[in-house]
Amino acid sequence: MWKGSIEQPCHTTFVKAIALGIGLLLLGAVADSLRRNGKNIETLLAIIAAVFMQPNSR
């Protein structure tokens, strides 16, 4: 009885977790690529933070 009421939230949580994991893997790949080319990783993280803070400021 209770299982039917929690199946949908668990499914959406699973999808969010997968999306977060893929995003972090991509971020790690980009950071590793920049580090190998001698670029500053902190600059990349600052740009990403600024991009995600921009929509929240409106």
N, C-alpha and C. Protein backbone atom coordinates (compact mmCIF):
# COMPACT_ATOMS: atom_id res chain seq x y z
N MET A 1 0.82 -1.18 0.00
CA MET A 1 0.00 0.00 0.00
C MET A 1 0.88 1.26 0.00
N TRP A 2 1.83 1.37 0.90
CA TRP A 2 2.68 2.55 0.98
C TRP A 2 3.67 2.60 -0.17
N LYS A 3 3.98 1.44 -0.78
CA LYS A 3 4.97 1.40 -1.85
C LYS A 3 4.52 2.22 -3.06
N GLY A 4 3.26 2.18 -3.36
CA GLY A 4 2.74 2.94 -4.50
C GLY A 4 2.87 4.43 -4.32
N SER A 5 2.81 4.90 -3.10
CA SER A 5 2.89 6.34 -2.86
C SER A 5 4.32 6.88 -2.91
N ILE A 6 5.32 6.01 -2.82
CA ILE A 6 6.70 6.50 -2.84
C ILE A 6 7.45 6.15 -4.12
N GLU A 7 6.83 5.41 -5.03
CA GLU A 7 7.54 5.02 -6.25
C GLU A 7 7.89 6.22 -7.11
N GLN A 8 6.98 7.14 -7.29
CA GLN A 8 7.24 8.30 -8.14
C GLN A 8 8.33 9.21 -7.58
N PRO A 9 8.31 9.62 -6.32
CA PRO A 9 9.40 10.46 -5.81
C PRO A 9 10.76 9.77 -5.88
N CYS A 10 10.78 8.46 -5.67
CA CYS A 10 12.06 7.74 -5.74
C CYS A 10 12.59 7.76 -7.17
N HIS A 11 11.70 7.67 -8.14
CA HIS A 11 12.11 7.69 -9.54
C HIS A 11 12.71 9.04 -9.90
N THR A 12 12.07 10.13 -9.50
CA THR A 12 12.60 11.45 -9.84
C THR A 12 13.91 11.72 -9.10
N THR A 13 14.02 11.23 -7.88
CA THR A 13 15.26 11.39 -7.13
C THR A 13 16.39 10.63 -7.81
N PHE A 14 16.09 9.46 -8.32
CA PHE A 14 17.09 8.66 -9.03
C PHE A 14 17.55 9.39 -10.28
N VAL A 15 16.63 9.96 -11.02
CA VAL A 15 16.99 10.69 -12.24
C VAL A 15 17.85 11.91 -11.90
N LYS A 16 17.51 12.62 -10.85
CA LYS A 16 18.30 13.77 -10.42
C LYS A 16 19.71 13.34 -10.02
N ALA A 17 19.82 12.22 -9.32
CA ALA A 17 21.13 11.72 -8.90
C ALA A 17 21.98 11.35 -10.10
N ILE A 18 21.39 10.72 -11.10
CA ILE A 18 22.12 10.36 -12.32
C ILE A 18 22.58 11.61 -13.05
N ALA A 19 21.71 12.61 -13.17
CA ALA A 19 22.08 13.86 -13.85
C ALA A 19 23.20 14.57 -13.11
N LEU A 20 23.14 14.58 -11.79
CA LEU A 20 24.20 15.21 -11.00
C LEU A 20 25.52 14.49 -11.18
N GLY A 21 25.48 13.17 -11.19
CA GLY A 21 26.69 12.39 -11.39
C GLY A 21 27.33 12.63 -12.75
N ILE A 22 26.51 12.69 -13.79
CA ILE A 22 27.03 12.95 -15.14
C ILE A 22 27.62 14.35 -15.21
N GLY A 23 26.95 15.32 -14.61
CA GLY A 23 27.47 16.69 -14.60
C GLY A 23 28.81 16.79 -13.90
N LEU A 24 28.95 16.09 -12.78
CA LEU A 24 30.22 16.13 -12.05
C LEU A 24 31.33 15.43 -12.82
N LEU A 25 31.01 14.35 -13.51
CA LEU A 25 32.01 13.69 -14.35
C LEU A 25 32.49 14.61 -15.47
N LEU A 26 31.55 15.32 -16.08
CA LEU A 26 31.93 16.26 -17.14
C LEU A 26 32.77 17.40 -16.59
N LEU A 27 32.40 17.90 -15.44
CA LEU A 27 33.18 18.97 -14.81
C LEU A 27 34.59 18.49 -14.50
N GLY A 28 34.72 17.28 -14.01
CA GLY A 28 36.03 16.72 -13.72
C GLY A 28 36.86 16.54 -14.98
N ALA A 29 36.22 16.10 -16.07
CA ALA A 29 36.95 15.93 -17.33
C ALA A 29 37.44 17.27 -17.87
N VAL A 30 36.61 18.29 -17.78
CA VAL A 30 37.01 19.62 -18.25
C VAL A 30 38.13 20.17 -17.37
N ALA A 31 38.00 20.01 -16.06
CA ALA A 31 39.04 20.51 -15.15
C ALA A 31 40.37 19.79 -15.39
N ASP A 32 40.31 18.49 -15.62
CA ASP A 32 41.54 17.74 -15.90
C ASP A 32 42.17 18.19 -17.20
N SER A 33 41.34 18.43 -18.20
CA SER A 33 41.86 18.90 -19.49
C SER A 33 42.52 20.27 -19.34
N LEU A 34 41.90 21.16 -18.60
CA LEU A 34 42.47 22.49 -18.39
C LEU A 34 43.77 22.41 -17.60
N ARG A 35 43.81 21.54 -16.60
CA ARG A 35 45.02 21.39 -15.79
C ARG A 35 46.18 20.88 -16.64
N ARG A 36 45.88 19.95 -17.54
CA ARG A 36 46.93 19.42 -18.42
C ARG A 36 47.46 20.48 -19.38
N ASN A 37 46.61 21.42 -19.74
CA ASN A 37 47.03 22.50 -20.64
C ASN A 37 47.60 23.69 -19.90
N GLY A 38 47.73 23.59 -18.59
CA GLY A 38 48.34 24.65 -17.80
C GLY A 38 47.40 25.80 -17.47
N LYS A 39 46.10 25.58 -17.57
CA LYS A 39 45.14 26.63 -17.24
C LYS A 39 44.78 26.57 -15.76
N ASN A 40 44.16 27.63 -15.29
CA ASN A 40 43.80 27.76 -13.88
C ASN A 40 42.41 27.15 -13.65
N ILE A 41 42.32 26.14 -12.80
CA ILE A 41 41.05 25.47 -12.53
C ILE A 41 40.13 26.37 -11.71
N GLU A 42 40.69 27.20 -10.85
CA GLU A 42 39.87 28.08 -10.02
C GLU A 42 39.07 29.05 -10.88
N THR A 43 39.63 29.47 -12.00
CA THR A 43 38.91 30.36 -12.90
C THR A 43 37.68 29.66 -13.48
N LEU A 44 37.84 28.40 -13.87
CA LEU A 44 36.71 27.63 -14.39
C LEU A 44 35.61 27.52 -13.34
N LEU A 45 35.98 27.20 -12.10
CA LEU A 45 34.98 27.06 -11.05
C LEU A 45 34.30 28.40 -10.74
N ALA A 46 35.03 29.49 -10.82
CA ALA A 46 34.44 30.81 -10.58
C ALA A 46 33.44 31.15 -11.69
N ILE A 47 33.77 30.82 -12.92
CA ILE A 47 32.85 31.09 -14.04
C ILE A 47 31.58 30.26 -13.89
N ILE A 48 31.74 28.98 -13.54
CA ILE A 48 30.57 28.11 -13.35
C ILE A 48 29.70 28.62 -12.21
N ALA A 49 30.32 29.05 -11.12
CA ALA A 49 29.56 29.58 -9.99
C ALA A 49 28.81 30.85 -10.40
N ALA A 50 29.45 31.71 -11.16
CA ALA A 50 28.80 32.95 -11.60
C ALA A 50 27.62 32.66 -12.52
N VAL A 51 27.77 31.68 -13.39
CA VAL A 51 26.68 31.32 -14.31
C VAL A 51 25.47 30.81 -13.54
N PHE A 52 25.70 29.99 -12.52
CA PHE A 52 24.59 29.44 -11.76
C PHE A 52 24.02 30.43 -10.75
N MET A 53 24.78 31.44 -10.33
CA MET A 53 24.26 32.44 -9.42
C MET A 53 23.44 33.50 -10.16
N GLN A 54 23.72 33.72 -11.41
CA GLN A 54 23.03 34.75 -12.19
C GLN A 54 21.53 34.58 -12.21
N PRO A 55 20.98 33.40 -12.54
CA PRO A 55 19.52 33.26 -12.55
C PRO A 55 18.89 33.45 -11.17
N ASN A 56 19.62 33.18 -10.10
CA ASN A 56 19.08 33.32 -8.75
C ASN A 56 19.01 34.77 -8.30
N SER A 57 19.73 35.66 -8.95
CA SER A 57 19.76 37.04 -8.50
C SER A 57 18.61 37.88 -9.06
N ARG A 58 17.85 37.33 -9.95
CA ARG A 58 16.74 38.11 -10.55
C ARG A 58 15.47 37.96 -9.81
